[in-house]
């Protein structure tokens, strides 16, 4: 975790967006995600974005992202660009849930 200019912990924000993709609409969903991914990559405060495909037949996909701060995430989420990008999402998903959390501890694995 980083620190802010006063030496206190600057908590990162994690976001989990779970969606159930409508059967047969996976390619359209992936195309839309590609546009979203390219857009968010250059957004101030964005650290990483990941897309998870289901390992079973649940059709439950997960998009996770990490942000330097909640303020930066919400500024992006409330932007006109973001609203225009996600508007077509309804064509491809029939359920969605968004969770946001402050990262308070982080454990990294050993790399070889």
Protein backbone atom coordinates (compact mmCIF):
# COMPACT_ATOMS: atom_id res chain seq x y z
CA UNK A 1 0.00 0.00 0.00
CA UNK A 2 1.11 3.52 -0.64
CA UNK A 3 1.10 6.45 1.69
CA UNK A 4 -0.37 9.87 1.17
CA UNK A 5 1.55 13.11 1.63
CA UNK A 6 0.86 13.04 5.38
CA UNK A 7 2.34 9.56 5.85
CA UNK A 8 -0.97 7.76 6.48
CA UNK A 9 -2.02 4.69 4.54
CA UNK A 10 -3.61 5.55 1.19
CA UNK A 11 -6.05 2.66 0.71
CA UNK A 12 -6.58 1.40 -2.80
CA UNK A 13 -10.08 0.63 -4.02
CA UNK A 14 -10.99 -2.78 -5.38
CA UNK A 15 -14.03 -3.32 -7.59
CA UNK A 16 -15.70 -6.61 -8.48
CA UNK A 17 -18.34 -6.54 -11.20
CA UNK A 18 -20.10 -9.88 -11.65
CA UNK A 19 -22.32 -10.40 -14.68
CA UNK A 20 -24.22 -13.34 -16.08
CA UNK A 21 -23.78 -13.29 -19.84
CA UNK A 22 -26.81 -14.32 -21.88
CA UNK A 23 -26.24 -17.62 -23.64
CA UNK A 24 -24.99 -17.02 -27.18
CA UNK A 25 -24.02 -13.39 -26.46
CA UNK A 26 -20.46 -14.06 -25.30
CA UNK A 27 -18.77 -12.60 -28.40
CA UNK A 28 -20.73 -9.36 -28.16
CA UNK A 29 -19.92 -9.15 -24.46
CA UNK A 30 -16.22 -9.69 -25.18
CA UNK A 31 -16.26 -7.00 -27.88
CA UNK A 32 -17.87 -4.55 -25.47
CA UNK A 33 -15.39 -5.46 -22.74
CA UNK A 34 -12.51 -4.80 -25.16
CA UNK A 35 -13.78 -1.24 -25.69
CA UNK A 36 -14.18 -0.74 -21.95
CA UNK A 37 -10.72 -2.14 -21.24
CA UNK A 38 -9.07 0.20 -23.72
CA UNK A 39 -10.95 3.18 -22.32
CA UNK A 40 -10.11 2.52 -18.68
CA UNK A 41 -6.43 1.78 -19.34
CA UNK A 42 -5.56 5.47 -19.60
CA UNK A 43 -7.79 6.66 -16.77
CA UNK A 44 -6.09 8.46 -13.88
CA UNK A 45 -5.94 6.22 -10.81
CA UNK A 46 -6.57 2.95 -12.66
CA UNK A 47 -4.05 0.25 -11.67
CA UNK A 48 -5.24 -3.03 -13.17
CA UNK A 49 -8.28 -4.63 -14.83
CA UNK A 50 -8.97 -8.36 -15.10
CA UNK A 51 -11.68 -10.38 -16.84
CA UNK A 52 -12.54 -13.82 -15.52
CA UNK A 53 -14.37 -16.44 -17.59
CA UNK A 54 -16.47 -19.05 -15.76
CA UNK A 55 -14.91 -22.49 -15.29
CA UNK A 56 -18.33 -24.14 -15.28
CA UNK A 57 -21.52 -23.58 -17.29
CA UNK A 58 -22.84 -20.84 -14.97
CA UNK A 59 -22.31 -18.01 -17.51
CA UNK A 60 -21.09 -15.94 -14.50
CA UNK A 61 -18.20 -13.69 -15.62
CA UNK A 62 -16.22 -11.43 -13.30
CA UNK A 63 -14.48 -8.14 -14.01
CA UNK A 64 -12.14 -6.96 -11.29
CA UNK A 65 -10.26 -3.70 -11.13
CA UNK A 66 -8.01 -1.90 -8.73
CA UNK A 67 -7.80 1.86 -8.29
CA UNK A 68 -5.46 4.19 -6.42
CA UNK A 69 -8.46 5.80 -4.71
CA UNK A 70 -12.24 5.63 -4.49
CA UNK A 71 -12.47 9.21 -5.73
CA UNK A 72 -10.68 8.35 -8.97
CA UNK A 73 -12.89 5.32 -9.58
CA UNK A 74 -16.12 7.22 -8.94
CA UNK A 75 -14.99 10.12 -11.15
CA UNK A 76 -14.51 7.64 -13.99
CA UNK A 77 -17.69 5.71 -13.23
CA UNK A 78 -19.78 8.89 -13.27
CA UNK A 79 -18.24 10.23 -16.49
CA UNK A 80 -20.24 10.54 -19.69
CA UNK A 81 -17.67 8.35 -21.49
CA UNK A 82 -18.24 5.50 -19.00
CA UNK A 83 -22.02 5.77 -19.22
CA UNK A 84 -21.89 5.61 -23.02
CA UNK A 85 -19.58 2.59 -22.96
CA UNK A 86 -21.66 0.49 -20.54
CA UNK A 87 -25.10 1.43 -21.90
CA UNK A 88 -25.11 -1.52 -24.38
CA UNK A 89 -24.29 -3.98 -21.57
CA UNK A 90 -27.99 -4.83 -21.13
CA UNK A 91 -27.92 -6.52 -24.55
CA UNK A 92 -25.41 -9.08 -23.31
CA UNK A 93 -26.12 -9.72 -19.62
CA UNK A 94 -29.23 -10.61 -17.65
CA UNK A 95 -27.80 -10.19 -14.13
CA UNK A 96 -25.14 -7.92 -12.69
CA UNK A 97 -23.74 -7.03 -9.31
CA UNK A 98 -21.06 -4.53 -8.35
CA UNK A 99 -19.02 -4.66 -5.14
CA UNK A 100 -16.50 -2.05 -4.04
CA UNK A 101 -14.05 -2.39 -1.19
CA UNK A 102 -11.04 -0.65 0.27
CA UNK A 103 -7.91 -2.77 0.23
CA UNK A 104 -6.70 -2.94 3.84
CA UNK A 105 -4.17 -5.77 3.54
CA UNK A 106 -2.35 -7.26 0.60
CA UNK A 107 -0.27 -10.42 0.41
CA UNK A 108 1.84 -11.11 -2.64
CA UNK A 109 3.26 -14.48 -3.57
CA UNK A 110 6.94 -15.15 -3.98
CA UNK A 111 8.12 -14.88 -7.58
CA UNK A 112 10.96 -16.99 -8.89
